[in-house]
Amino acid sequence: MDHENLKCVLKHNHGKTGFQSPYVCRSVHAYVYMVGICCRNLKRFAPKKTACKMELLGQWDPEHELIIEDPYYGGQAGFDTVYEQCVRSCRAFLEAVEQDIAAKKHR
């Protein structure tokens, strides 16, 4: 992890100092969603045939910022902006999934 990443992680009080690298697991066909930060990587890591919904994380951003920009072009502020956008989008995504699960239980 480079200095900019580490500084952002520590600023937001996370104990972890590393992130998972993207990969495709063999059981991806069992998943409902495959979420990526950019179209290029989403297409690159997506299996050829899958029923999962392949979507950009930014689709769930309540502030409607679909594209999550590369933070390296915005200095330290770029890392903070990307972090905040990812947190907003992840929270909204998880809320939508929870609502979907609850709706399916009541059918």
PDB file of N, CA and C in Angstrom:
ATOM      1  N   MET A   1       0.855  -1.160   0.000  1.00  0.00           N
ATOM      2  CA  MET A   1       0.000   0.000   0.000  1.00  0.00           C
ATOM      3  C   MET A   1       0.904   1.227   0.000  1.00  0.00           C
ATOM      4  N   ASP A   2       0.575   2.188  -0.844  1.00  0.00           N
ATOM      5  CA  ASP A   2       1.417   3.373  -0.914  1.00  0.00           C
ATOM      6  C   ASP A   2       1.012   4.397   0.151  1.00  0.00           C
ATOM      7  N   HIS A   3       1.764   5.469   0.220  1.00  0.00           N
ATOM      8  CA  HIS A   3       1.586   6.487   1.250  1.00  0.00           C
ATOM      9  C   HIS A   3       0.196   7.123   1.199  1.00  0.00           C
ATOM     10  N   GLU A   4      -0.304   7.448   0.002  1.00  0.00           N
ATOM     11  CA  GLU A   4      -1.608   8.097  -0.114  1.00  0.00           C
ATOM     12  C   GLU A   4      -2.731   7.180   0.373  1.00  0.00           C
ATOM     13  N   ASN A   5      -2.669   5.902  -0.015  1.00  0.00           N
ATOM     14  CA  ASN A   5      -3.671   4.939   0.453  1.00  0.00           C
ATOM     15  C   ASN A   5      -3.630   4.820   1.976  1.00  0.00           C
ATOM     16  N   LEU A   6      -2.444   4.638   2.517  1.00  0.00           N
ATOM     17  CA  LEU A   6      -2.291   4.451   3.949  1.00  0.00           C
ATOM     18  C   LEU A   6      -2.803   5.667   4.713  1.00  0.00           C
ATOM     19  N   LYS A   7      -2.470   6.839   4.252  1.00  0.00           N
ATOM     20  CA  LYS A   7      -2.908   8.067   4.921  1.00  0.00           C
ATOM     21  C   LYS A   7      -4.434   8.158   4.947  1.00  0.00           C
ATOM     22  N   CYS A   8      -5.085   7.801   3.851  1.00  0.00           N
ATOM     23  CA  CYS A   8      -6.546   7.841   3.778  1.00  0.00           C
ATOM     24  C   CYS A   8      -7.164   6.802   4.712  1.00  0.00           C
ATOM     25  N   VAL A   9      -6.623   5.592   4.715  1.00  0.00           N
ATOM     26  CA  VAL A   9      -7.139   4.518   5.574  1.00  0.00           C
ATOM     27  C   VAL A   9      -7.013   4.917   7.042  1.00  0.00           C
ATOM     28  N   LEU A  10      -5.857   5.432   7.426  1.00  0.00           N
ATOM     29  CA  LEU A  10      -5.648   5.819   8.818  1.00  0.00           C
ATOM     30  C   LEU A  10      -6.501   7.019   9.208  1.00  0.00           C
ATOM     31  N   LYS A  11      -6.706   7.939   8.291  1.00  0.00           N
ATOM     32  CA  LYS A  11      -7.537   9.122   8.561  1.00  0.00           C
ATOM     33  C   LYS A  11      -8.959   8.713   8.918  1.00  0.00           C
ATOM     34  N   HIS A  12      -9.440   7.673   8.293  1.00  0.00           N
ATOM     35  CA  HIS A  12     -10.815   7.236   8.513  1.00  0.00           C
ATOM     36  C   HIS A  12     -10.901   6.121   9.558  1.00  0.00           C
ATOM     37  N   ASN A  13      -9.836   5.999  10.360  1.00  0.00           N
ATOM     38  CA  ASN A  13      -9.810   5.112  11.521  1.00  0.00           C
ATOM     39  C   ASN A  13     -10.029   3.640  11.203  1.00  0.00           C
ATOM     40  N   HIS A  14      -9.458   3.169  10.125  1.00  0.00           N
ATOM     41  CA  HIS A  14      -9.520   1.754   9.807  1.00  0.00           C
ATOM     42  C   HIS A  14      -8.221   1.098  10.250  1.00  0.00           C
ATOM     43  N   GLY A  15      -8.337  -0.030  10.906  1.00  0.00           N
ATOM     44  CA  GLY A  15      -7.154  -0.731  11.365  1.00  0.00           C
ATOM     45  C   GLY A  15      -6.426  -1.459  10.259  1.00  0.00           C
ATOM     46  N   LYS A  16      -7.122  -1.756   9.169  1.00  0.00           N
ATOM     47  CA  LYS A  16      -6.487  -2.483   8.078  1.00  0.00           C
ATOM     48  C   LYS A  16      -5.567  -1.564   7.299  1.00  0.00           C
ATOM     49  N   THR A  17      -4.492  -2.137   6.817  1.00  0.00           N
ATOM     50  CA  THR A  17      -3.569  -1.354   5.999  1.00  0.00           C
ATOM     51  C   THR A  17      -3.396  -1.995   4.635  1.00  0.00           C
ATOM     52  N   GLY A  18      -4.367  -2.725   4.181  1.00  0.00           N
ATOM     53  CA  GLY A  18      -4.290  -3.344   2.863  1.00  0.00           C
ATOM     54  C   GLY A  18      -5.672  -3.587   2.316  1.00  0.00           C
ATOM     55  N   PHE A  19      -5.761  -3.734   1.021  1.00  0.00           N
ATOM     56  CA  PHE A  19      -7.031  -3.981   0.361  1.00  0.00           C
ATOM     57  C   PHE A  19      -6.926  -5.263  -0.440  1.00  0.00           C
ATOM     58  N   GLN A  20      -8.044  -5.894  -0.657  1.00  0.00           N
ATOM     59  CA  GLN A  20      -8.071  -7.099  -1.475  1.00  0.00           C
ATOM     60  C   GLN A  20      -7.888  -6.729  -2.939  1.00  0.00           C
ATOM     61  N   SER A  21      -7.166  -7.545  -3.646  1.00  0.00           N
ATOM     62  CA  SER A  21      -7.042  -7.374  -5.086  1.00  0.00           C
ATOM     63  C   SER A  21      -8.255  -7.996  -5.755  1.00  0.00           C
ATOM     64  N   PRO A  22      -8.682  -7.446  -6.892  1.00  0.00           N
ATOM     65  CA  PRO A  22      -9.833  -8.035  -7.576  1.00  0.00           C
ATOM     66  C   PRO A  22      -9.480  -9.401  -8.163  1.00  0.00           C
ATOM     67  N   TYR A  23     -10.411 -10.304  -8.119  1.00  0.00           N
ATOM     68  CA  TYR A  23     -10.224 -11.609  -8.727  1.00  0.00           C
ATOM     69  C   TYR A  23     -11.591 -12.221  -8.991  1.00  0.00           C
ATOM     70  N   VAL A  24     -11.613 -13.198  -9.807  1.00  0.00           N
ATOM     71  CA  VAL A  24     -12.842 -13.921 -10.088  1.00  0.00           C
ATOM     72  C   VAL A  24     -12.719 -15.282  -9.446  1.00  0.00           C
ATOM     73  N   CYS A  25     -13.636 -15.596  -8.556  1.00  0.00           N
ATOM     74  CA  CYS A  25     -13.586 -16.917  -7.949  1.00  0.00           C
ATOM     75  C   CYS A  25     -14.366 -17.887  -8.831  1.00  0.00           C
ATOM     76  N   ARG A  26     -14.116 -19.135  -8.657  1.00  0.00           N
ATOM     77  CA  ARG A  26     -14.725 -20.145  -9.521  1.00  0.00           C
ATOM     78  C   ARG A  26     -16.224 -20.261  -9.325  1.00  0.00           C
ATOM     79  N   SER A  27     -16.726 -19.868  -8.174  1.00  0.00           N
ATOM     80  CA  SER A  27     -18.155 -20.003  -7.910  1.00  0.00           C
ATOM     81  C   SER A  27     -18.916 -18.709  -8.177  1.00  0.00           C
ATOM     82  N   VAL A  28     -18.376 -17.840  -9.004  1.00  0.00           N
ATOM     83  CA  VAL A  28     -19.017 -16.556  -9.279  1.00  0.00           C
ATOM     84  C   VAL A  28     -20.430 -16.730  -9.837  1.00  0.00           C
ATOM     85  N   HIS A  29     -20.700 -17.844 -10.448  1.00  0.00           N
ATOM     86  CA  HIS A  29     -22.023 -18.079 -11.021  1.00  0.00           C
ATOM     87  C   HIS A  29     -23.099 -18.196  -9.946  1.00  0.00           C
ATOM     88  N   ALA A  30     -22.703 -18.395  -8.692  1.00  0.00           N
ATOM     89  CA  ALA A  30     -23.656 -18.501  -7.598  1.00  0.00           C
ATOM     90  C   ALA A  30     -24.039 -17.123  -7.048  1.00  0.00           C
ATOM     91  N   TYR A  31     -23.345 -16.075  -7.454  1.00  0.00           N
ATOM     92  CA  TYR A  31     -23.602 -14.749  -6.921  1.00  0.00           C
ATOM     93  C   TYR A  31     -24.699 -14.032  -7.689  1.00  0.00           C
ATOM     94  N   VAL A  32     -25.344 -13.101  -7.001  1.00  0.00           N
ATOM     95  CA  VAL A  32     -26.397 -12.300  -7.614  1.00  0.00           C
ATOM     96  C   VAL A  32     -25.811 -11.032  -8.233  1.00  0.00           C
ATOM     97  N   TYR A  33     -24.803 -10.456  -7.593  1.00  0.00           N
ATOM     98  CA  TYR A  33     -24.198  -9.213  -8.062  1.00  0.00           C
ATOM     99  C   TYR A  33     -22.697  -9.367  -8.256  1.00  0.00           C
ATOM    100  N   MET A  34     -22.200  -8.667  -9.264  1.00  0.00           N
ATOM    101  CA  MET A  34     -20.768  -8.451  -9.416  1.00  0.00           C
ATOM    102  C   MET A  34     -20.635  -6.937  -9.566  1.00  0.00           C
ATOM    103  N   VAL A  35     -19.958  -6.323  -8.617  1.00  0.00           N
ATOM    104  CA  VAL A  35     -19.880  -4.863  -8.567  1.00  0.00           C
ATOM    105  C   VAL A  35     -18.437  -4.449  -8.800  1.00  0.00           C
ATOM    106  N   GLY A  36     -18.266  -3.466  -9.663  1.00  0.00           N
ATOM    107  CA  GLY A  36     -16.935  -2.958  -9.964  1.00  0.00           C
ATOM    108  C   GLY A  36     -16.888  -1.453  -9.839  1.00  0.00           C
ATOM    109  N   ILE A  37     -15.681  -0.930  -9.751  1.00  0.00           N
ATOM    110  CA  ILE A  37     -15.519   0.520  -9.641  1.00  0.00           C
ATOM    111  C   ILE A  37     -15.455   1.162 -11.020  1.00  0.00           C
ATOM    112  N   CYS A  38     -14.900   0.450 -11.996  1.00  0.00           N
ATOM    113  CA  CYS A  38     -14.846   1.014 -13.344  1.00  0.00           C
ATOM    114  C   CYS A  38     -15.277  -0.043 -14.361  1.00  0.00           C
ATOM    115  N   CYS A  39     -15.784   0.425 -15.484  1.00  0.00           N
ATOM    116  CA  CYS A  39     -16.281  -0.483 -16.529  1.00  0.00           C
ATOM    117  C   CYS A  39     -15.191  -1.420 -17.028  1.00  0.00           C
ATOM    118  N   ARG A  40     -13.991  -0.895 -17.193  1.00  0.00           N
ATOM    119  CA  ARG A  40     -12.898  -1.704 -17.737  1.00  0.00           C
ATOM    120  C   ARG A  40     -12.634  -2.932 -16.866  1.00  0.00           C
ATOM    121  N   ASN A  41     -12.508  -2.733 -15.561  1.00  0.00           N
ATOM    122  CA  ASN A  41     -12.235  -3.864 -14.687  1.00  0.00           C
ATOM    123  C   ASN A  41     -13.444  -4.777 -14.535  1.00  0.00           C
ATOM    124  N   LEU A  42     -14.626  -4.210 -14.552  1.00  0.00           N
ATOM    125  CA  LEU A  42     -15.824  -5.038 -14.443  1.00  0.00           C
ATOM    126  C   LEU A  42     -15.897  -5.994 -15.629  1.00  0.00           C
ATOM    127  N   LYS A  43     -15.623  -5.499 -16.825  1.00  0.00           N
ATOM    128  CA  LYS A  43     -15.624  -6.347 -18.021  1.00  0.00           C
ATOM    129  C   LYS A  43     -14.460  -7.333 -17.997  1.00  0.00           C
ATOM    130  N   ARG A  44     -13.317  -6.867 -17.521  1.00  0.00           N
ATOM    131  CA  ARG A  44     -12.107  -7.691 -17.510  1.00  0.00           C
ATOM    132  C   ARG A  44     -12.241  -8.914 -16.599  1.00  0.00           C
ATOM    133  N   PHE A  45     -12.849  -8.741 -15.440  1.00  0.00           N
ATOM    134  CA  PHE A  45     -12.940  -9.822 -14.470  1.00  0.00           C
ATOM    135  C   PHE A  45     -14.248 -10.600 -14.543  1.00  0.00           C
ATOM    136  N   ALA A  46     -15.158 -10.166 -15.378  1.00  0.00           N
ATOM    137  CA  ALA A  46     -16.458 -10.832 -15.463  1.00  0.00           C
ATOM    138  C   ALA A  46     -16.352 -12.137 -16.237  1.00  0.00           C
ATOM    139  N   PRO A  47     -17.057 -13.157 -15.769  1.00  0.00           N
ATOM    140  CA  PRO A  47     -17.094 -14.403 -16.536  1.00  0.00           C
ATOM    141  C   PRO A  47     -17.900 -14.195 -17.819  1.00  0.00           C
ATOM    142  N   LYS A  48     -17.652 -15.022 -18.808  1.00  0.00           N
ATOM    143  CA  LYS A  48     -18.337 -14.879 -20.101  1.00  0.00           C
ATOM    144  C   LYS A  48     -19.848 -15.063 -19.978  1.00  0.00           C
ATOM    145  N   LYS A  49     -20.258 -16.080 -19.246  1.00  0.00           N
ATOM    146  CA  LYS A  49     -21.686 -16.348 -19.084  1.00  0.00           C
ATOM    147  C   LYS A  49     -22.006 -16.391 -17.604  1.00  0.00           C
ATOM    148  N   THR A  50     -22.867 -15.491 -17.176  1.00  0.00           N
ATOM    149  CA  THR A  50     -23.280 -15.460 -15.782  1.00  0.00           C
ATOM    150  C   THR A  50     -24.645 -14.809 -15.674  1.00  0.00           C
ATOM    151  N   ALA A  51     -25.373 -15.192 -14.668  1.00  0.00           N
ATOM    152  CA  ALA A  51     -26.681 -14.581 -14.421  1.00  0.00           C
ATOM    153  C   ALA A  51     -26.563 -13.411 -13.453  1.00  0.00           C
ATOM    154  N   CYS A  52     -25.341 -13.171 -12.920  1.00  0.00           N
ATOM    155  CA  CYS A  52     -25.240 -12.085 -11.949  1.00  0.00           C
ATOM    156  C   CYS A  52     -25.414 -10.729 -12.617  1.00  0.00           C
ATOM    157  N   LYS A  53     -25.927  -9.809 -11.819  1.00  0.00           N
ATOM    158  CA  LYS A  53     -26.086  -8.432 -12.264  1.00  0.00           C
ATOM    159  C   LYS A  53     -24.710  -7.771 -12.162  1.00  0.00           C
ATOM    160  N   MET A  54     -24.228  -7.270 -13.281  1.00  0.00           N
ATOM    161  CA  MET A  54     -22.914  -6.642 -13.317  1.00  0.00           C
ATOM    162  C   MET A  54     -23.130  -5.131 -13.362  1.00  0.00           C
ATOM    163  N   GLU A  55     -22.733  -4.471 -12.289  1.00  0.00           N
ATOM    164  CA  GLU A  55     -23.032  -3.057 -12.164  1.00  0.00           C
ATOM    165  C   GLU A  55     -21.861  -2.300 -11.560  1.00  0.00           C
ATOM    166  N   LEU A  56     -21.879  -1.003 -11.779  1.00  0.00           N
ATOM    167  CA  LEU A  56     -20.873  -0.122 -11.200  1.00  0.00           C
ATOM    168  C   LEU A  56     -21.286   0.257  -9.787  1.00  0.00           C
ATOM    169  N   LEU A  57     -20.335   0.299  -8.875  1.00  0.00           N
ATOM    170  CA  LEU A  57     -20.617   0.673  -7.497  1.00  0.00           C
ATOM    171  C   LEU A  57     -21.270   2.052  -7.431  1.00  0.00           C
ATOM    172  N   GLY A  58     -20.815   2.962  -8.277  1.00  0.00           N
ATOM    173  CA  GLY A  58     -21.350   4.326  -8.279  1.00  0.00           C
ATOM    174  C   GLY A  58     -22.830   4.420  -8.614  1.00  0.00           C
ATOM    175  N   GLN A  59     -23.415   3.359  -9.150  1.00  0.00           N
ATOM    176  CA  GLN A  59     -24.852   3.364  -9.441  1.00  0.00           C
ATOM    177  C   GLN A  59     -25.682   3.551  -8.175  1.00  0.00           C
ATOM    178  N   TRP A  60     -25.123   3.197  -7.030  1.00  0.00           N
ATOM    179  CA  TRP A  60     -25.864   3.321  -5.775  1.00  0.00           C
ATOM    180  C   TRP A  60     -25.515   4.583  -5.008  1.00  0.00           C
ATOM    181  N   ASP A  61     -24.653   5.414  -5.549  1.00  0.00           N
ATOM    182  CA  ASP A  61     -24.249   6.626  -4.842  1.00  0.00           C
ATOM    183  C   ASP A  61     -25.452   7.554  -4.690  1.00  0.00           C
ATOM    184  N   PRO A  62     -25.847   7.881  -3.459  1.00  0.00           N
ATOM    185  CA  PRO A  62     -26.981   8.780  -3.257  1.00  0.00           C
ATOM    186  C   PRO A  62     -26.742  10.185  -3.815  1.00  0.00           C
ATOM    187  N   GLU A  63     -25.478  10.513  -4.056  1.00  0.00           N
ATOM    188  CA  GLU A  63     -25.160  11.818  -4.654  1.00  0.00           C
ATOM    189  C   GLU A  63     -25.016  11.712  -6.173  1.00  0.00           C
ATOM    190  N   HIS A  64     -25.357  10.568  -6.719  1.00  0.00           N
ATOM    191  CA  HIS A  64     -25.421  10.327  -8.164  1.00  0.00           C
ATOM    192  C   HIS A  64     -24.096  10.537  -8.892  1.00  0.00           C
ATOM    193  N   GLU A  65     -22.997  10.165  -8.248  1.00  0.00           N
ATOM    194  CA  GLU A  65     -21.688  10.220  -8.902  1.00  0.00           C
ATOM    195  C   GLU A  65     -21.378   8.808  -9.396  1.00  0.00           C
ATOM    196  N   LEU A  66     -21.764   8.520 -10.616  1.00  0.00           N
ATOM    197  CA  LEU A  66     -21.639   7.177 -11.175  1.00  0.00           C
ATOM    198  C   LEU A  66     -20.192   6.725 -11.294  1.00  0.00           C
ATOM    199  N   ILE A  67     -19.344   7.595 -11.765  1.00  0.00           N
ATOM    200  CA  ILE A  67     -17.949   7.239 -12.017  1.00  0.00           C
ATOM    201  C   ILE A  67     -17.102   7.507 -10.778  1.00  0.00           C
ATOM    202  N   ILE A  68     -16.345   6.503 -10.369  1.00  0.00           N
ATOM    203  CA  ILE A  68     -15.398   6.664  -9.273  1.00  0.00           C
ATOM    204  C   ILE A  68     -14.037   6.885  -9.932  1.00  0.00           C
ATOM    205  N   GLU A  69     -13.560   8.094  -9.825  1.00  0.00           N
ATOM    206  CA  GLU A  69     -12.329   8.491 -10.511  1.00  0.00           C
ATOM    207  C   GLU A  69     -11.098   7.883  -9.853  1.00  0.00           C
ATOM    208  N   ASP A  70     -10.034   7.792 -10.609  1.00  0.00           N
ATOM    209  CA  ASP A  70      -8.750   7.325 -10.092  1.00  0.00           C
ATOM    210  C   ASP A  70      -8.225   8.368  -9.106  1.00  0.00           C
ATOM    211  N   PRO A  71      -8.019   7.990  -7.847  1.00  0.00           N
ATOM    212  CA  PRO A  71      -7.611   8.985  -6.847  1.00  0.00           C
ATOM    213  C   PRO A  71      -6.203   9.529  -7.043  1.00  0.00           C
ATOM    214  N   TYR A  72      -5.386   8.850  -7.822  1.00  0.00           N
ATOM    215  CA  TYR A  72      -3.998   9.299  -7.982  1.00  0.00           C
ATOM    216  C   TYR A  72      -3.885  10.619  -8.734  1.00  0.00           C
ATOM    217  N   TYR A  73      -4.948  11.046  -9.392  1.00  0.00           N
ATOM    218  CA  TYR A  73      -4.892  12.307 -10.129  1.00  0.00           C
ATOM    219  C   TYR A  73      -5.404  13.472  -9.301  1.00  0.00           C
ATOM    220  N   GLY A  74      -5.796  13.222  -8.057  1.00  0.00           N
ATOM    221  CA  GLY A  74      -6.351  14.293  -7.240  1.00  0.00           C
ATOM    222  C   GLY A  74      -5.617  14.531  -5.937  1.00  0.00           C
ATOM    223  N   GLY A  75      -4.390  14.044  -5.831  1.00  0.00           N
ATOM    224  CA  GLY A  75      -3.640  14.221  -4.589  1.00  0.00           C
ATOM    225  C   GLY A  75      -4.341  13.540  -3.425  1.00  0.00           C
ATOM    226  N   GLN A  76      -4.012  13.956  -2.208  1.00  0.00           N
ATOM    227  CA  GLN A  76      -4.625  13.341  -1.025  1.00  0.00           C
ATOM    228  C   GLN A  76      -6.130  13.570  -1.016  1.00  0.00           C
ATOM    229  N   ALA A  77      -6.577  14.715  -1.478  1.00  0.00           N
ATOM    230  CA  ALA A  77      -8.020  14.998  -1.527  1.00  0.00           C
ATOM    231  C   ALA A  77      -8.733  14.007  -2.441  1.00  0.00           C
ATOM    232  N   GLY A  78      -8.052  13.541  -3.484  1.00  0.00           N
ATOM    233  CA  GLY A  78      -8.637  12.552  -4.386  1.00  0.00           C
ATOM    234  C   GLY A  78      -8.917  11.243  -3.671  1.00  0.00           C
ATOM    235  N   PHE A  79      -8.016  10.835  -2.790  1.00  0.00           N
ATOM    236  CA  PHE A  79      -8.225   9.601  -2.022  1.00  0.00           C
ATOM    237  C   PHE A  79      -9.395   9.747  -1.068  1.00  0.00           C
ATOM    238  N   ASP A  80      -9.499  10.910  -0.434  1.00  0.00           N
ATOM    239  CA  ASP A  80     -10.613  11.140   0.489  1.00  0.00           C
ATOM    240  C   ASP A  80     -11.944  11.157  -0.258  1.00  0.00           C
ATOM    241  N   THR A  81     -11.968  11.774  -1.424  1.00  0.00           N
ATOM    242  CA  THR A  81     -13.192  11.827  -2.236  1.00  0.00           C
ATOM    243  C   THR A  81     -13.623  10.430  -2.658  1.00  0.00           C
ATOM    244  N   VAL A  82     -12.686   9.629  -3.139  1.00  0.00           N
ATOM    245  CA  VAL A  82     -12.998   8.259  -3.570  1.00  0.00           C
ATOM    246  C   VAL A  82     -13.464   7.423  -2.380  1.00  0.00           C
ATOM    247  N   TYR A  83     -12.805   7.572  -1.265  1.00  0.00           N
ATOM    248  CA  TYR A  83     -13.207   6.844  -0.052  1.00  0.00           C
ATOM    249  C   TYR A  83     -14.656   7.182   0.304  1.00  0.00           C
ATOM    250  N   GLU A  84     -14.970   8.461   0.360  1.00  0.00           N
ATOM    251  CA  GLU A  84     -16.317   8.889   0.739  1.00  0.00           C
ATOM    252  C   GLU A  84     -17.354   8.396  -0.263  1.00  0.00           C
ATOM    253  N   GLN A  85     -17.032   8.448  -1.539  1.00  0.00           N
ATOM    254  CA  GLN A  85     -17.965   7.963  -2.556  1.00  0.00           C
ATOM    255  C   GLN A  85     -18.184   6.460  -2.409  1.00  0.00           C
ATOM    256  N   CYS A  86     -17.128   5.717  -2.152  1.00  0.00           N
ATOM    257  CA  CYS A  86     -17.260   4.260  -1.977  1.00  0.00           C
ATOM    258  C   CYS A  86     -18.083   3.920  -0.739  1.00  0.00           C
ATOM    259  N   VAL A  87     -17.867   4.632   0.349  1.00  0.00           N
ATOM    260  CA  VAL A  87     -18.633   4.378   1.566  1.00  0.00           C
ATOM    261  C   VAL A  87     -20.119   4.658   1.325  1.00  0.00           C
ATOM    262  N   ARG A  88     -20.437   5.801   0.718  1.00  0.00           N
ATOM    263  CA  ARG A  88     -21.847   6.135   0.416  1.00  0.00           C
ATOM    264  C   ARG A  88     -22.474   5.066  -0.464  1.00  0.00           C
ATOM    265  N   SER A  89     -21.749   4.689  -1.506  1.00  0.00           N
ATOM    266  CA  SER A  89     -22.279   3.725  -2.472  1.00  0.00           C
ATOM    267  C   SER A  89     -22.454   2.342  -1.844  1.00  0.00           C
ATOM    268  N   CYS A  90     -21.484   1.908  -1.041  1.00  0.00           N
ATOM    269  CA  CYS A  90     -21.592   0.597  -0.386  1.00  0.00           C
ATOM    270  C   CYS A  90     -22.764   0.556   0.578  1.00  0.00           C
ATOM    271  N   ARG A  91     -22.946   1.614   1.344  1.00  0.00           N
ATOM    272  CA  ARG A  91     -24.077   1.651   2.279  1.00  0.00           C
ATOM    273  C   ARG A  91     -25.399   1.569   1.526  1.00  0.00           C
ATOM    274  N   ALA A  92     -25.521   2.329   0.455  1.00  0.00           N
ATOM    275  CA  ALA A  92     -26.762   2.310  -0.329  1.00  0.00           C
ATOM    276  C   ALA A  92     -26.965   0.953  -1.006  1.00  0.00           C
ATOM    277  N   PHE A  93     -25.893   0.360  -1.500  1.00  0.00           N
ATOM    278  CA  PHE A  93     -25.982  -0.962  -2.116  1.00  0.00           C
ATOM    279  C   PHE A  93     -26.468  -1.997  -1.103  1.00  0.00           C
ATOM    280  N   LEU A  94     -25.857  -2.012   0.077  1.00  0.00           N
ATOM    281  CA  LEU A  94     -26.252  -2.983   1.100  1.00  0.00           C
ATOM    282  C   LEU A  94     -27.698  -2.774   1.542  1.00  0.00           C
ATOM    283  N   GLU A  95     -28.117  -1.530   1.641  1.00  0.00           N
ATOM    284  CA  GLU A  95     -29.507  -1.238   1.995  1.00  0.00           C
ATOM    285  C   GLU A  95     -30.457  -1.774   0.919  1.00  0.00           C
ATOM    286  N   ALA A  96     -30.104  -1.585  -0.343  1.00  0.00           N
ATOM    287  CA  ALA A  96     -30.939  -2.078  -1.447  1.00  0.00           C
ATOM    288  C   ALA A  96     -31.008  -3.606  -1.442  1.00  0.00           C
ATOM    289  N   VAL A  97     -29.886  -4.262  -1.182  1.00  0.00           N
ATOM    290  CA  VAL A  97     -29.866  -5.725  -1.129  1.00  0.00           C
ATOM    291  C   VAL A  97     -30.714  -6.223   0.047  1.00  0.00           C
ATOM    292  N   GLU A  98     -30.596  -5.569   1.204  1.00  0.00           N
ATOM    293  CA  GLU A  98     -31.397  -5.960   2.365  1.00  0.00           C
ATOM    294  C   GLU A  98     -32.889  -5.797   2.074  1.00  0.00           C
ATOM    295  N   GLN A  99     -33.266  -4.712   1.407  1.00  0.00           N
ATOM    296  CA  GLN A  99     -34.671  -4.500   1.054  1.00  0.00           C
ATOM    297  C   GLN A  99     -35.150  -5.560   0.065  1.00  0.00           C
ATOM    298  N   ASP A 100     -34.304  -5.909  -0.877  1.00  0.00           N
ATOM    299  CA  ASP A 100     -34.641  -6.942  -1.856  1.00  0.00           C
ATOM    300  C   ASP A 100     -34.852  -8.287  -1.174  1.00  0.00           C
ATOM    301  N   ILE A 101     -33.987  -8.609  -0.239  1.00  0.00           N
ATOM    302  CA  ILE A 101     -34.110  -9.879   0.504  1.00  0.00           C
ATOM    303  C   ILE A 101     -35.391  -9.881   1.322  1.00  0.00           C
ATOM    304  N   ALA A 102     -35.678  -8.778   2.009  1.00  0.00           N
ATOM    305  CA  ALA A 102     -36.887  -8.686   2.829  1.00  0.00           C
ATOM    306  C   ALA A 102     -38.140  -8.797   1.961  1.00  0.00           C
ATOM    307  N   ALA A 103     -38.134  -8.186   0.788  1.00  0.00           N
ATOM    308  CA  ALA A 103     -39.290  -8.247  -0.112  1.00  0.00           C
ATOM    309  C   ALA A 103     -39.513  -9.680  -0.599  1.00  0.00           C
ATOM    310  N   LYS A 104     -38.433 -10.394  -0.879  1.00  0.00           N
ATOM    311  CA  LYS A 104     -38.561 -11.775  -1.346  1.00  0.00           C
ATOM    312  C   LYS A 104     -39.088 -12.692  -0.244  1.00  0.00           C
ATOM    313  N   LYS A 105     -38.774 -12.395   1.012  1.00  0.00           N
ATOM    314  CA  LYS A 105     -39.262 -13.189   2.129  1.00  0.00           C
ATOM    315  C   LYS A 105     -40.774 -13.066   2.301  1.00  0.00           C
ATOM    316  N   HIS A 106     -41.306 -11.900   1.917  1.00  0.00           N
ATOM    317  CA  HIS A 106     -42.739 -11.644   2.106  1.00  0.00           C
ATOM    318  C   HIS A 106     -43.584 -12.081   0.915  1.00  0.00           C
ATOM    319  N   ARG A 107     -42.979 -12.661  -0.069  1.00  0.00           N
ATOM    320  CA  ARG A 107     -43.740 -13.111  -1.251  1.00  0.00           C
ATOM    321  C   ARG A 107     -44.315 -14.462  -1.030  1.00  0.00           C
TER     322      ARG A 107
END
